Amino acid sequence: MAEEDWLHSAREWEDALAAAESNEFCEIDSAEEGGWLAGWVSQQYTHDKIGQDADRLHAVIKALVEGAEETEFSSRRFTAVMESINGDLEADDEKLVQDYLDEHFDGFPLAHIKDIQAFARDYVYRPGEFYAESHDGSTLYVFDTTGWWPSRGGAVGEDATETRT
């Protein structure tokens, strides 16, 4: 079995990312400290979807762990999830709801929305997407889940809508 087919637990992914970060994403140093997986994670730091943003790597691991039924993941699954990053949003439900209202119901007052988080979950966040919050809570990374599990029609669990964590 090739190394990219090996399964790794969430803890192993998190440890690999920590080793990569502590070695400033130097593939060789990361691999020496944290093993093959840490070296591989360091390589992903320069991927177009990551753009040398460690928070995006954290978001991919969060999406893997919280957006799946499995408990172990291969680097192939990591790549599929990483390549599904579909942008980012400001992690402020009130602002997202206001933007939605301005776009769809110009002039509708935000004050009339009783539960901002429920409104965001029901109307702003789209089915088939997973939202992973950055470490500092300022950004939501948006993942398109339709390609994650093709055998299940791309849906994540029973309901294809996954809310942020």
C-alpha atoms as a PDB file:
ATOM      1  CA  MET A   1       0.000   0.000   0.000  1.00  0.00           C
ATOM      2  CA  ALA A   2       1.355   3.425  -0.962  1.00  0.00           C
ATOM      3  CA  GLU A   3       1.853   6.012   1.782  1.00  0.00           C
ATOM      4  CA  GLU A   4      -0.899   8.221   0.317  1.00  0.00           C
ATOM      5  CA  ASP A   5      -3.355   5.369   0.991  1.00  0.00           C
ATOM      6  CA  TRP A   6      -2.461   4.997   4.667  1.00  0.00           C
ATOM      7  CA  LEU A   7      -5.154   6.074   7.092  1.00  0.00           C
ATOM      8  CA  HIS A   8      -4.367   8.593   9.818  1.00  0.00           C
ATOM      9  CA  SER A   9      -6.429   9.611  12.832  1.00  0.00           C
ATOM     10  CA  ALA A  10      -7.468  13.187  13.526  1.00  0.00           C
ATOM     11  CA  ARG A  11      -4.777  13.357  16.214  1.00  0.00           C
ATOM     12  CA  GLU A  12      -2.111  12.255  13.710  1.00  0.00           C
ATOM     13  CA  TRP A  13      -3.262  14.927  11.240  1.00  0.00           C
ATOM     14  CA  GLU A  14      -3.194  17.591  13.966  1.00  0.00           C
ATOM     15  CA  ASP A  15       0.257  16.471  15.157  1.00  0.00           C
ATOM     16  CA  ALA A  16       1.551  16.490  11.571  1.00  0.00           C
ATOM     17  CA  LEU A  17       0.278  20.041  11.066  1.00  0.00           C
ATOM     18  CA  ALA A  18       1.833  21.126  14.377  1.00  0.00           C
ATOM     19  CA  ALA A  19       5.190  19.657  13.299  1.00  0.00           C
ATOM     20  CA  ALA A  20       4.906  21.363   9.914  1.00  0.00           C
ATOM     21  CA  GLU A  21       4.104  24.716  11.538  1.00  0.00           C
ATOM     22  CA  SER A  22       6.930  24.434  14.065  1.00  0.00           C
ATOM     23  CA  ASN A  23       9.328  23.801  11.179  1.00  0.00           C
ATOM     24  CA  GLU A  24       7.945  26.719   9.130  1.00  0.00           C
ATOM     25  CA  PHE A  25       6.567  24.258   6.558  1.00  0.00           C
ATOM     26  CA  CYS A  26      10.012  23.020   5.542  1.00  0.00           C
ATOM     27  CA  GLU A  27       9.222  19.596   4.117  1.00  0.00           C
ATOM     28  CA  ILE A  28      12.510  17.989   5.144  1.00  0.00           C
ATOM     29  CA  ASP A  29      12.600  19.344   8.702  1.00  0.00           C
ATOM     30  CA  SER A  30       8.913  18.568   9.210  1.00  0.00           C
ATOM     31  CA  ALA A  31       9.397  14.977   8.023  1.00  0.00           C
ATOM     32  CA  GLU A  32      12.390  14.538  10.334  1.00  0.00           C
ATOM     33  CA  GLU A  33      10.425  15.778  13.336  1.00  0.00           C
ATOM     34  CA  GLY A  34       6.945  14.457  12.579  1.00  0.00           C
ATOM     35  CA  GLY A  35       7.378  11.706   9.992  1.00  0.00           C
ATOM     36  CA  TRP A  36       6.122  11.254   6.445  1.00  0.00           C
ATOM     37  CA  LEU A  37       2.730  12.844   7.126  1.00  0.00           C
ATOM     38  CA  ALA A  38       4.234  16.067   8.529  1.00  0.00           C
ATOM     39  CA  GLY A  39       6.454  16.370   5.456  1.00  0.00           C
ATOM     40  CA  TRP A  40       3.454  15.799   3.212  1.00  0.00           C
ATOM     41  CA  VAL A  41       1.386  18.430   5.064  1.00  0.00           C
ATOM     42  CA  SER A  42       4.273  20.881   4.598  1.00  0.00           C
ATOM     43  CA  GLN A  43       4.047  20.318   0.846  1.00  0.00           C
ATOM     44  CA  GLN A  44       0.360  21.264   0.897  1.00  0.00           C
ATOM     45  CA  TYR A  45       1.187  24.682   2.390  1.00  0.00           C
ATOM     46  CA  THR A  46       2.032  25.951  -1.100  1.00  0.00           C
ATOM     47  CA  HIS A  47      -1.007  24.372  -2.817  1.00  0.00           C
ATOM     48  CA  ASP A  48      -3.133  26.909  -4.724  1.00  0.00           C
ATOM     49  CA  LYS A  49      -6.140  26.300  -2.436  1.00  0.00           C
ATOM     50  CA  ILE A  50      -4.044  26.877   0.703  1.00  0.00           C
ATOM     51  CA  GLY A  51      -2.001  29.855  -0.481  1.00  0.00           C
ATOM     52  CA  GLN A  52       0.485  29.600   2.390  1.00  0.00           C
ATOM     53  CA  ASP A  53      -2.287  30.116   4.939  1.00  0.00           C
ATOM     54  CA  ALA A  54      -1.926  27.745   7.898  1.00  0.00           C
ATOM     55  CA  ASP A  55      -5.508  28.542   8.968  1.00  0.00           C
ATOM     56  CA  ARG A  56      -6.717  26.940   5.733  1.00  0.00           C
ATOM     57  CA  LEU A  57      -4.825  23.747   6.588  1.00  0.00           C
ATOM     58  CA  HIS A  58      -6.457  23.761  10.023  1.00  0.00           C
ATOM     59  CA  ALA A  59      -9.836  24.258   8.331  1.00  0.00           C
ATOM     60  CA  VAL A  60      -9.225  21.245   6.059  1.00  0.00           C
ATOM     61  CA  ILE A  61      -8.499  19.052   9.084  1.00  0.00           C
ATOM     62  CA  LYS A  62     -11.596  20.426  10.842  1.00  0.00           C
ATOM     63  CA  ALA A  63     -13.689  19.659   7.756  1.00  0.00           C
ATOM     64  CA  LEU A  64     -12.237  16.134   7.605  1.00  0.00           C
ATOM     65  CA  VAL A  65     -12.922  15.422  11.252  1.00  0.00           C
ATOM     66  CA  GLU A  66     -16.273  17.157  11.759  1.00  0.00           C
ATOM     67  CA  GLY A  67     -17.738  16.732   8.291  1.00  0.00           C
ATOM     68  CA  ALA A  68     -17.311  12.985   8.005  1.00  0.00           C
ATOM     69  CA  GLU A  69     -18.483   9.742   9.502  1.00  0.00           C
ATOM     70  CA  GLU A  70     -15.024   8.181   9.283  1.00  0.00           C
ATOM     71  CA  THR A  71     -12.449   8.576  12.038  1.00  0.00           C
ATOM     72  CA  GLU A  72      -9.314   8.046   9.925  1.00  0.00           C
ATOM     73  CA  PHE A  73      -8.350   9.662   6.636  1.00  0.00           C
ATOM     74  CA  SER A  74      -5.846   9.165   3.859  1.00  0.00           C
ATOM     75  CA  SER A  75      -3.878  11.937   2.203  1.00  0.00           C
ATOM     76  CA  ARG A  76      -6.038  11.320  -0.881  1.00  0.00           C
ATOM     77  CA  ARG A  77      -9.142  12.244   1.174  1.00  0.00           C
ATOM     78  CA  PHE A  78      -7.283  15.265   2.576  1.00  0.00           C
ATOM     79  CA  THR A  79      -6.512  16.376  -0.992  1.00  0.00           C
ATOM     80  CA  ALA A  80     -10.144  15.961  -2.085  1.00  0.00           C
ATOM     81  CA  VAL A  81     -11.366  18.057   0.855  1.00  0.00           C
ATOM     82  CA  MET A  82      -8.590  20.641   0.404  1.00  0.00           C
ATOM     83  CA  GLU A  83      -9.440  21.047  -3.267  1.00  0.00           C
ATOM     84  CA  SER A  84     -13.095  21.614  -2.343  1.00  0.00           C
ATOM     85  CA  ILE A  85     -12.342  24.924  -0.596  1.00  0.00           C
ATOM     86  CA  ASN A  86     -14.734  27.298  -2.268  1.00  0.00           C
ATOM     87  CA  GLY A  87     -13.785  30.598  -0.651  1.00  0.00           C
ATOM     88  CA  ASP A  88     -14.204  32.224   2.694  1.00  0.00           C
ATOM     89  CA  LEU A  89     -16.603  34.531   4.483  1.00  0.00           C
ATOM     90  CA  GLU A  90     -16.430  36.885   7.410  1.00  0.00           C
ATOM     91  CA  ALA A  91     -17.473  34.851  10.451  1.00  0.00           C
ATOM     92  CA  ASP A  92     -20.128  37.256  11.638  1.00  0.00           C
ATOM     93  CA  ASP A  93     -23.663  35.872  11.374  1.00  0.00           C
ATOM     94  CA  GLU A  94     -25.217  39.296  11.829  1.00  0.00           C
ATOM     95  CA  LYS A  95     -23.208  40.770   8.945  1.00  0.00           C
ATOM     96  CA  LEU A  96     -23.866  37.731   6.731  1.00  0.00           C
ATOM     97  CA  VAL A  97     -27.609  37.954   7.412  1.00  0.00           C
ATOM     98  CA  GLN A  98     -27.619  41.706   6.754  1.00  0.00           C
ATOM     99  CA  ASP A  99     -25.797  41.140   3.439  1.00  0.00           C
ATOM    100  CA  TYR A 100     -28.326  38.437   2.535  1.00  0.00           C
ATOM    101  CA  LEU A 101     -31.245  40.724   3.369  1.00  0.00           C
ATOM    102  CA  ASP A 102     -29.719  43.596   1.380  1.00  0.00           C
ATOM    103  CA  GLU A 103     -29.265  41.322  -1.630  1.00  0.00           C
ATOM    104  CA  HIS A 104     -32.651  39.582  -1.526  1.00  0.00           C
ATOM    105  CA  PHE A 105     -34.984  41.898   0.433  1.00  0.00           C
ATOM    106  CA  ASP A 106     -33.561  45.382   0.138  1.00  0.00           C
ATOM    107  CA  GLY A 107     -34.699  47.488   3.057  1.00  0.00           C
ATOM    108  CA  PHE A 108     -35.892  44.639   5.295  1.00  0.00           C
ATOM    109  CA  PRO A 109     -34.748  45.525   8.830  1.00  0.00           C
ATOM    110  CA  LEU A 110     -32.388  43.131  10.571  1.00  0.00           C
ATOM    111  CA  ALA A 111     -34.179  43.897  13.846  1.00  0.00           C
ATOM    112  CA  HIS A 112     -37.167  41.856  12.613  1.00  0.00           C
ATOM    113  CA  ILE A 113     -35.069  38.669  12.618  1.00  0.00           C
ATOM    114  CA  LYS A 114     -35.581  37.063  16.027  1.00  0.00           C
ATOM    115  CA  ASP A 115     -32.833  34.414  15.801  1.00  0.00           C
ATOM    116  CA  ILE A 116     -29.884  35.540  13.674  1.00  0.00           C
ATOM    117  CA  GLN A 117     -28.037  32.196  13.914  1.00  0.00           C
ATOM    118  CA  ALA A 118     -31.098  30.180  12.936  1.00  0.00           C
ATOM    119  CA  PHE A 119     -31.781  32.520  10.005  1.00  0.00           C
ATOM    120  CA  ALA A 120     -28.156  32.207   8.863  1.00  0.00           C
ATOM    121  CA  ARG A 121     -28.318  28.416   9.149  1.00  0.00           C
ATOM    122  CA  ASP A 122     -31.628  28.219   7.268  1.00  0.00           C
ATOM    123  CA  TYR A 123     -31.061  30.836   4.545  1.00  0.00           C
ATOM    124  CA  VAL A 124     -27.477  32.067   4.282  1.00  0.00           C
ATOM    125  CA  TYR A 125     -25.519  28.828   4.575  1.00  0.00           C
ATOM    126  CA  ARG A 126     -26.115  26.697   1.520  1.00  0.00           C
ATOM    127  CA  PRO A 127     -26.847  22.963   1.296  1.00  0.00           C
ATOM    128  CA  GLY A 128     -23.858  20.969   0.125  1.00  0.00           C
ATOM    129  CA  GLU A 129     -21.388  23.227   1.879  1.00  0.00           C
ATOM    130  CA  PHE A 130     -19.395  22.792   5.074  1.00  0.00           C
ATOM    131  CA  TYR A 131     -18.176  25.821   7.008  1.00  0.00           C
ATOM    132  CA  ALA A 132     -15.035  25.648   9.144  1.00  0.00           C
ATOM    133  CA  GLU A 133     -14.139  28.590  11.344  1.00  0.00           C
ATOM    134  CA  SER A 134     -10.577  29.910  11.569  1.00  0.00           C
ATOM    135  CA  HIS A 135      -8.656  29.711  14.847  1.00  0.00           C
ATOM    136  CA  ASP A 136      -9.327  33.339  15.692  1.00  0.00           C
ATOM    137  CA  GLY A 137     -13.001  33.056  14.725  1.00  0.00           C
ATOM    138  CA  SER A 138     -12.846  35.832  12.134  1.00  0.00           C
ATOM    139  CA  THR A 139     -13.179  33.719   8.978  1.00  0.00           C
ATOM    140  CA  LEU A 140     -15.390  30.901   7.767  1.00  0.00           C
ATOM    141  CA  TYR A 141     -13.787  28.671   5.155  1.00  0.00           C
ATOM    142  CA  VAL A 142     -16.384  27.323   2.748  1.00  0.00           C
ATOM    143  CA  PHE A 143     -16.081  23.770   1.406  1.00  0.00           C
ATOM    144  CA  ASP A 144     -18.128  22.308  -1.436  1.00  0.00           C
ATOM    145  CA  THR A 145     -18.974  18.811  -0.155  1.00  0.00           C
ATOM    146  CA  THR A 146     -20.498  17.476  -3.367  1.00  0.00           C
ATOM    147  CA  GLY A 147     -17.320  15.636  -4.339  1.00  0.00           C
ATOM    148  CA  TRP A 148     -16.407  14.278  -0.918  1.00  0.00           C
ATOM    149  CA  TRP A 149     -18.467  11.098  -1.060  1.00  0.00           C
ATOM    150  CA  PRO A 150     -19.491  10.438  -4.664  1.00  0.00           C
ATOM    151  CA  SER A 151     -20.931   7.046  -3.742  1.00  0.00           C
ATOM    152  CA  ARG A 152     -23.493   8.864  -1.563  1.00  0.00           C
ATOM    153  CA  GLY A 153     -24.299  11.545  -4.102  1.00  0.00           C
ATOM    154  CA  GLY A 154     -21.863  13.924  -2.453  1.00  0.00           C
ATOM    155  CA  ALA A 155     -23.977  14.525   0.635  1.00  0.00           C
ATOM    156  CA  VAL A 156     -22.457  14.805   4.078  1.00  0.00           C
ATOM    157  CA  GLY A 157     -24.423  12.526   6.396  1.00  0.00           C
ATOM    158  CA  GLU A 158     -28.204  12.566   6.299  1.00  0.00           C
ATOM    159  CA  ASP A 159     -28.501  16.288   5.638  1.00  0.00           C
ATOM    160  CA  ALA A 160     -26.178  17.845   3.061  1.00  0.00           C
ATOM    161  CA  THR A 161     -26.200  21.131   4.977  1.00  0.00           C
ATOM    162  CA  GLU A 162     -23.460  21.293   7.581  1.00  0.00           C
ATOM    163  CA  THR A 163     -23.290  24.362   9.763  1.00  0.00           C
ATOM    164  CA  ARG A 164     -20.174  25.982  11.029  1.00  0.00           C
ATOM    165  CA  THR A 165     -18.574  24.838  14.220  1.00  0.00           C
END
